[in-house]
């Protein structure tokens, strides 16, 4: 299992703590330290939709000029922006053996653990 995110993100910290307490082995990919893989983002956008993995609720999006925000109209423009500004990617994204996840929802993750989908 691989967890993508930013080390200092509170949501990522909660997700990592959840996995560690559940005894789930994973590797962590920090966008700030390890970079952003455009092909991986494209795959996540295909699976979940670019609107899901682009975090429009965060401060990074809100700090962008409206002109820049208006240029994000499709997957290609969203992925280009996410590559330039990794803080705008919804976190965490989990690439599991059985299933992938976007965001941290402890109830959903607990259910996924019980079903063997989170491993």
N, C-alpha and C. Protein backbone atom coordinates (compact mmCIF):
# COMPACT_ATOMS: atom_id res chain seq x y z
N UNK A 1 0.85 -1.16 0.00
CA UNK A 1 0.00 0.00 0.00
C UNK A 1 0.90 1.23 0.00
N UNK A 2 0.43 2.26 -0.72
CA UNK A 2 1.17 3.51 -0.78
C UNK A 2 0.22 4.65 -0.45
N UNK A 3 0.66 5.53 0.43
CA UNK A 3 -0.12 6.69 0.83
C UNK A 3 0.56 7.93 0.26
N UNK A 4 -0.20 8.72 -0.49
CA UNK A 4 0.30 9.95 -1.08
C UNK A 4 -0.26 11.14 -0.31
N UNK A 5 0.60 12.10 -0.03
CA UNK A 5 0.13 13.29 0.66
C UNK A 5 1.28 14.21 0.99
N UNK A 6 1.06 15.04 2.01
CA UNK A 6 2.05 15.97 2.50
C UNK A 6 2.21 15.71 4.00
N UNK A 7 3.45 15.52 4.42
CA UNK A 7 3.74 15.09 5.78
C UNK A 7 3.10 15.97 6.86
N UNK A 8 3.07 17.26 6.65
CA UNK A 8 2.57 18.18 7.67
C UNK A 8 1.06 18.39 7.64
N UNK A 9 0.36 17.77 6.70
CA UNK A 9 -1.10 17.91 6.59
C UNK A 9 -1.77 17.18 7.76
N UNK A 10 -2.67 17.87 8.46
CA UNK A 10 -3.35 17.25 9.61
C UNK A 10 -4.14 16.01 9.21
N UNK A 11 -4.80 16.05 8.07
CA UNK A 11 -5.59 14.90 7.63
C UNK A 11 -4.68 13.71 7.32
N UNK A 12 -3.56 13.98 6.71
CA UNK A 12 -2.60 12.91 6.42
C UNK A 12 -2.06 12.34 7.72
N UNK A 13 -1.78 13.18 8.69
CA UNK A 13 -1.30 12.70 9.99
C UNK A 13 -2.33 11.77 10.63
N UNK A 14 -3.61 12.14 10.57
CA UNK A 14 -4.67 11.29 11.13
C UNK A 14 -4.75 9.96 10.39
N UNK A 15 -4.66 10.02 9.07
CA UNK A 15 -4.74 8.80 8.26
C UNK A 15 -3.56 7.87 8.56
N UNK A 16 -2.37 8.43 8.64
CA UNK A 16 -1.19 7.61 8.94
C UNK A 16 -1.28 6.99 10.34
N UNK A 17 -1.76 7.77 11.30
CA UNK A 17 -1.93 7.24 12.65
C UNK A 17 -2.94 6.09 12.65
N UNK A 18 -4.04 6.26 11.92
CA UNK A 18 -5.05 5.21 11.81
C UNK A 18 -4.42 3.93 11.27
N UNK A 19 -3.66 4.04 10.18
CA UNK A 19 -3.04 2.86 9.57
C UNK A 19 -2.04 2.21 10.52
N UNK A 20 -1.24 3.02 11.19
CA UNK A 20 -0.24 2.48 12.11
C UNK A 20 -0.90 1.76 13.28
N UNK A 21 -1.97 2.36 13.83
CA UNK A 21 -2.67 1.71 14.94
C UNK A 21 -3.38 0.44 14.50
N UNK A 22 -3.76 0.37 13.23
CA UNK A 22 -4.42 -0.83 12.71
C UNK A 22 -3.40 -1.88 12.26
N UNK A 23 -2.12 -1.54 12.32
CA UNK A 23 -1.07 -2.48 11.94
C UNK A 23 -0.95 -2.68 10.44
N UNK A 24 -1.35 -1.68 9.66
CA UNK A 24 -1.29 -1.77 8.20
C UNK A 24 0.05 -1.23 7.72
N UNK A 25 0.77 -2.05 6.97
CA UNK A 25 2.05 -1.62 6.40
C UNK A 25 1.80 -0.76 5.17
N UNK A 26 2.55 0.31 5.06
CA UNK A 26 2.42 1.19 3.90
C UNK A 26 3.72 1.97 3.70
N UNK A 27 3.87 2.50 2.52
CA UNK A 27 4.96 3.44 2.26
C UNK A 27 4.31 4.80 2.05
N UNK A 28 5.04 5.84 2.40
CA UNK A 28 4.50 7.19 2.29
C UNK A 28 5.24 7.97 1.22
N UNK A 29 4.47 8.59 0.34
CA UNK A 29 5.02 9.43 -0.71
C UNK A 29 4.63 10.87 -0.40
N UNK A 30 5.62 11.68 -0.03
CA UNK A 30 5.39 13.09 0.30
C UNK A 30 5.56 13.93 -0.96
N UNK A 31 4.46 14.54 -1.40
CA UNK A 31 4.50 15.35 -2.62
C UNK A 31 5.55 16.45 -2.54
N UNK A 32 5.73 17.04 -1.38
CA UNK A 32 6.69 18.14 -1.23
C UNK A 32 8.13 17.65 -1.35
N UNK A 33 8.39 16.47 -0.80
CA UNK A 33 9.76 15.93 -0.78
C UNK A 33 10.05 15.06 -2.00
N UNK A 34 9.07 14.21 -2.36
CA UNK A 34 9.29 13.21 -3.40
C UNK A 34 8.77 13.63 -4.78
N UNK A 35 8.05 14.74 -4.84
CA UNK A 35 7.54 15.22 -6.13
C UNK A 35 6.19 14.62 -6.48
N UNK A 36 5.66 15.09 -7.59
CA UNK A 36 4.35 14.65 -8.08
C UNK A 36 4.56 13.96 -9.42
N UNK A 37 4.00 12.78 -9.56
CA UNK A 37 4.09 12.01 -10.79
C UNK A 37 2.84 12.31 -11.63
N UNK A 38 3.05 12.97 -12.75
CA UNK A 38 1.92 13.37 -13.61
C UNK A 38 1.12 12.15 -14.08
N UNK A 39 1.81 11.07 -14.42
CA UNK A 39 1.10 9.87 -14.88
C UNK A 39 0.24 9.27 -13.75
N UNK A 40 0.75 9.31 -12.52
CA UNK A 40 0.00 8.79 -11.39
C UNK A 40 -1.24 9.65 -11.14
N UNK A 41 -1.08 10.99 -11.22
CA UNK A 41 -2.24 11.88 -11.06
C UNK A 41 -3.26 11.64 -12.16
N UNK A 42 -2.78 11.41 -13.37
CA UNK A 42 -3.70 11.13 -14.49
C UNK A 42 -4.49 9.86 -14.22
N UNK A 43 -3.82 8.85 -13.68
CA UNK A 43 -4.51 7.60 -13.35
C UNK A 43 -5.55 7.82 -12.25
N UNK A 44 -5.17 8.59 -11.21
CA UNK A 44 -6.13 8.89 -10.14
C UNK A 44 -7.30 9.71 -10.66
N UNK A 45 -7.02 10.65 -11.56
CA UNK A 45 -8.09 11.47 -12.14
C UNK A 45 -9.03 10.60 -12.98
N UNK A 46 -8.48 9.63 -13.67
CA UNK A 46 -9.32 8.72 -14.45
C UNK A 46 -10.20 7.87 -13.55
N UNK A 47 -9.65 7.43 -12.43
CA UNK A 47 -10.39 6.58 -11.51
C UNK A 47 -11.44 7.35 -10.71
N UNK A 48 -11.06 8.50 -10.18
CA UNK A 48 -11.94 9.23 -9.25
C UNK A 48 -12.59 10.48 -9.84
N UNK A 49 -12.06 10.96 -10.96
CA UNK A 49 -12.49 12.23 -11.52
C UNK A 49 -11.58 13.34 -11.02
N UNK A 50 -11.18 14.22 -11.92
CA UNK A 50 -10.24 15.28 -11.52
C UNK A 50 -10.86 16.22 -10.50
N UNK A 51 -12.17 16.35 -10.53
CA UNK A 51 -12.85 17.24 -9.57
C UNK A 51 -12.70 16.71 -8.14
N UNK A 52 -12.56 15.40 -7.99
CA UNK A 52 -12.41 14.79 -6.67
C UNK A 52 -11.01 14.98 -6.12
N UNK A 53 -10.00 14.86 -6.96
CA UNK A 53 -8.63 14.94 -6.44
C UNK A 53 -8.10 16.37 -6.41
N UNK A 54 -8.81 17.32 -6.99
CA UNK A 54 -8.43 18.73 -6.90
C UNK A 54 -9.14 19.33 -5.69
N UNK A 55 -8.37 19.76 -4.70
CA UNK A 55 -8.94 20.27 -3.45
C UNK A 55 -9.27 21.76 -3.58
N UNK A 56 -10.53 22.05 -3.85
CA UNK A 56 -10.96 23.45 -3.97
C UNK A 56 -11.37 24.04 -2.63
N UNK A 57 -11.32 23.24 -1.58
CA UNK A 57 -11.70 23.73 -0.25
C UNK A 57 -10.51 24.27 0.54
N UNK A 58 -9.32 23.93 0.13
CA UNK A 58 -8.13 24.30 0.89
C UNK A 58 -7.66 25.72 0.65
N UNK A 59 -6.73 26.13 1.48
CA UNK A 59 -6.22 27.50 1.39
C UNK A 59 -5.42 27.74 0.11
N UNK A 60 -4.76 26.71 -0.40
CA UNK A 60 -3.98 26.89 -1.62
C UNK A 60 -4.88 27.32 -2.77
N UNK A 61 -6.02 26.66 -2.92
CA UNK A 61 -6.97 27.02 -3.97
C UNK A 61 -7.51 28.43 -3.75
N UNK A 62 -7.88 28.72 -2.52
CA UNK A 62 -8.48 30.02 -2.21
C UNK A 62 -7.49 31.16 -2.42
N UNK A 63 -6.20 30.88 -2.27
CA UNK A 63 -5.19 31.92 -2.46
C UNK A 63 -4.86 32.18 -3.93
N UNK A 64 -5.28 31.27 -4.80
CA UNK A 64 -5.00 31.45 -6.23
C UNK A 64 -5.82 32.62 -6.78
N UNK A 65 -5.24 33.32 -7.74
CA UNK A 65 -5.99 34.37 -8.42
C UNK A 65 -7.18 33.74 -9.12
N UNK A 66 -8.26 34.48 -9.18
CA UNK A 66 -9.47 33.98 -9.84
C UNK A 66 -9.20 33.62 -11.30
N UNK A 67 -8.31 34.37 -11.93
CA UNK A 67 -7.94 34.07 -13.33
C UNK A 67 -7.33 32.69 -13.45
N UNK A 68 -6.48 32.32 -12.48
CA UNK A 68 -5.86 30.99 -12.49
C UNK A 68 -6.92 29.93 -12.23
N UNK A 69 -7.78 30.16 -11.26
CA UNK A 69 -8.86 29.21 -10.96
C UNK A 69 -9.72 28.97 -12.20
N UNK A 70 -10.00 30.03 -12.94
CA UNK A 70 -10.86 29.92 -14.12
C UNK A 70 -10.23 29.11 -15.25
N UNK A 71 -8.90 28.93 -15.21
CA UNK A 71 -8.25 28.15 -16.26
C UNK A 71 -8.41 26.64 -16.05
N UNK A 72 -8.85 26.24 -14.86
CA UNK A 72 -9.02 24.82 -14.55
C UNK A 72 -10.41 24.39 -15.01
N UNK A 73 -10.44 23.78 -16.18
CA UNK A 73 -11.72 23.43 -16.80
C UNK A 73 -11.83 21.96 -17.18
N UNK A 74 -10.72 21.23 -17.08
CA UNK A 74 -10.74 19.82 -17.46
C UNK A 74 -9.60 19.09 -16.75
N UNK A 75 -9.50 17.80 -17.01
CA UNK A 75 -8.47 16.99 -16.33
C UNK A 75 -7.06 17.49 -16.63
N UNK A 76 -6.79 17.83 -17.88
CA UNK A 76 -5.43 18.25 -18.25
C UNK A 76 -5.03 19.53 -17.51
N UNK A 77 -5.91 20.51 -17.46
CA UNK A 77 -5.57 21.76 -16.78
C UNK A 77 -5.48 21.56 -15.26
N UNK A 78 -6.33 20.70 -14.72
CA UNK A 78 -6.28 20.42 -13.28
C UNK A 78 -4.99 19.70 -12.92
N UNK A 79 -4.59 18.72 -13.71
CA UNK A 79 -3.37 17.96 -13.43
C UNK A 79 -2.15 18.86 -13.57
N UNK A 80 -2.15 19.74 -14.56
CA UNK A 80 -1.03 20.67 -14.72
C UNK A 80 -0.89 21.55 -13.47
N UNK A 81 -2.00 22.05 -12.96
CA UNK A 81 -1.97 22.89 -11.76
C UNK A 81 -1.52 22.08 -10.54
N UNK A 82 -2.00 20.85 -10.40
CA UNK A 82 -1.62 20.01 -9.27
C UNK A 82 -0.12 19.68 -9.31
N UNK A 83 0.44 19.53 -10.50
CA UNK A 83 1.88 19.28 -10.61
C UNK A 83 2.67 20.51 -10.18
N UNK A 84 2.16 21.70 -10.50
CA UNK A 84 2.82 22.94 -10.11
C UNK A 84 2.65 23.23 -8.62
N UNK A 85 1.47 22.90 -8.09
CA UNK A 85 1.12 23.23 -6.72
C UNK A 85 0.59 21.98 -6.00
N UNK A 86 1.48 21.13 -5.53
CA UNK A 86 1.05 19.86 -4.91
C UNK A 86 0.13 20.04 -3.71
N UNK A 87 0.17 21.19 -3.06
CA UNK A 87 -0.70 21.41 -1.90
C UNK A 87 -2.17 21.45 -2.29
N UNK A 88 -2.45 21.52 -3.57
CA UNK A 88 -3.83 21.61 -4.03
C UNK A 88 -4.43 20.22 -4.29
N UNK A 89 -3.63 19.18 -4.12
CA UNK A 89 -4.11 17.81 -4.33
C UNK A 89 -4.84 17.35 -3.07
N UNK A 90 -6.02 16.78 -3.23
CA UNK A 90 -6.78 16.21 -2.11
C UNK A 90 -5.92 15.15 -1.43
N UNK A 91 -5.95 15.18 -0.10
CA UNK A 91 -5.09 14.27 0.66
C UNK A 91 -5.87 13.55 1.74
N UNK A 92 -5.39 12.35 2.03
CA UNK A 92 -4.42 11.54 1.30
C UNK A 92 -5.10 10.81 0.13
N UNK A 93 -4.28 10.35 -0.78
CA UNK A 93 -4.72 9.39 -1.78
C UNK A 93 -4.00 8.09 -1.44
N UNK A 94 -4.76 7.03 -1.30
CA UNK A 94 -4.20 5.74 -0.92
C UNK A 94 -4.32 4.78 -2.09
N UNK A 95 -3.19 4.20 -2.45
CA UNK A 95 -3.14 3.20 -3.51
C UNK A 95 -2.97 1.85 -2.82
N UNK A 96 -4.07 1.13 -2.74
CA UNK A 96 -4.06 -0.15 -2.05
C UNK A 96 -3.97 -1.32 -2.98
N UNK A 97 -3.82 -2.49 -2.39
CA UNK A 97 -3.77 -3.72 -3.19
C UNK A 97 -5.14 -4.04 -3.77
N UNK A 98 -6.18 -3.83 -2.98
CA UNK A 98 -7.53 -4.20 -3.39
C UNK A 98 -8.35 -3.01 -3.89
N UNK A 99 -8.05 -1.80 -3.37
CA UNK A 99 -8.88 -0.65 -3.67
C UNK A 99 -8.09 0.61 -3.39
N UNK A 100 -8.41 1.68 -4.10
CA UNK A 100 -7.79 2.98 -3.86
C UNK A 100 -8.80 3.89 -3.16
N UNK A 101 -8.28 4.85 -2.40
CA UNK A 101 -9.13 5.76 -1.63
C UNK A 101 -8.64 7.19 -1.78
N UNK A 102 -9.56 8.14 -1.70
CA UNK A 102 -9.22 9.56 -1.68
C UNK A 102 -9.81 10.16 -0.42
N UNK A 103 -8.98 10.88 0.34
CA UNK A 103 -9.43 11.50 1.58
C UNK A 103 -9.44 10.51 2.71
N UNK A 104 -9.59 11.04 3.91
CA UNK A 104 -9.61 10.19 5.10
C UNK A 104 -10.97 10.26 5.77
N UNK A 105 -11.63 9.13 5.84
CA UNK A 105 -12.90 8.99 6.54
C UNK A 105 -12.74 7.78 7.45
N UNK A 106 -12.55 8.00 8.76
CA UNK A 106 -12.26 6.86 9.64
C UNK A 106 -13.32 5.77 9.63
N UNK A 107 -14.58 6.12 9.48
CA UNK A 107 -15.64 5.11 9.45
C UNK A 107 -15.51 4.26 8.19
N UNK A 108 -15.34 4.91 7.06
CA UNK A 108 -15.20 4.17 5.80
C UNK A 108 -13.93 3.33 5.80
N UNK A 109 -12.85 3.86 6.36
CA UNK A 109 -11.60 3.11 6.41
C UNK A 109 -11.73 1.92 7.34
N UNK A 110 -12.44 2.07 8.45
CA UNK A 110 -12.65 0.94 9.36
C UNK A 110 -13.43 -0.16 8.65
N UNK A 111 -14.45 0.22 7.91
CA UNK A 111 -15.23 -0.78 7.14
C UNK A 111 -14.35 -1.44 6.08
N UNK A 112 -13.52 -0.65 5.42
CA UNK A 112 -12.63 -1.19 4.40
C UNK A 112 -11.63 -2.16 5.01
N UNK A 113 -11.17 -1.86 6.22
CA UNK A 113 -10.27 -2.79 6.92
C UNK A 113 -10.96 -4.13 7.17
N UNK A 114 -12.20 -4.05 7.66
CA UNK A 114 -12.95 -5.28 7.95
C UNK A 114 -13.21 -6.10 6.69
N UNK A 115 -13.39 -5.42 5.56
CA UNK A 115 -13.64 -6.11 4.29
C UNK A 115 -12.36 -6.53 3.59
N UNK A 116 -11.21 -6.16 4.15
CA UNK A 116 -9.94 -6.50 3.54
C UNK A 116 -9.59 -5.63 2.35
N UNK A 117 -10.27 -4.49 2.21
CA UNK A 117 -9.99 -3.60 1.08
C UNK A 117 -8.86 -2.62 1.37
N UNK A 118 -8.55 -2.44 2.62
CA UNK A 118 -7.51 -1.49 3.02
C UNK A 118 -6.30 -2.29 3.46
N UNK A 119 -5.45 -2.60 2.50
CA UNK A 119 -4.22 -3.34 2.80
C UNK A 119 -3.22 -3.12 1.71
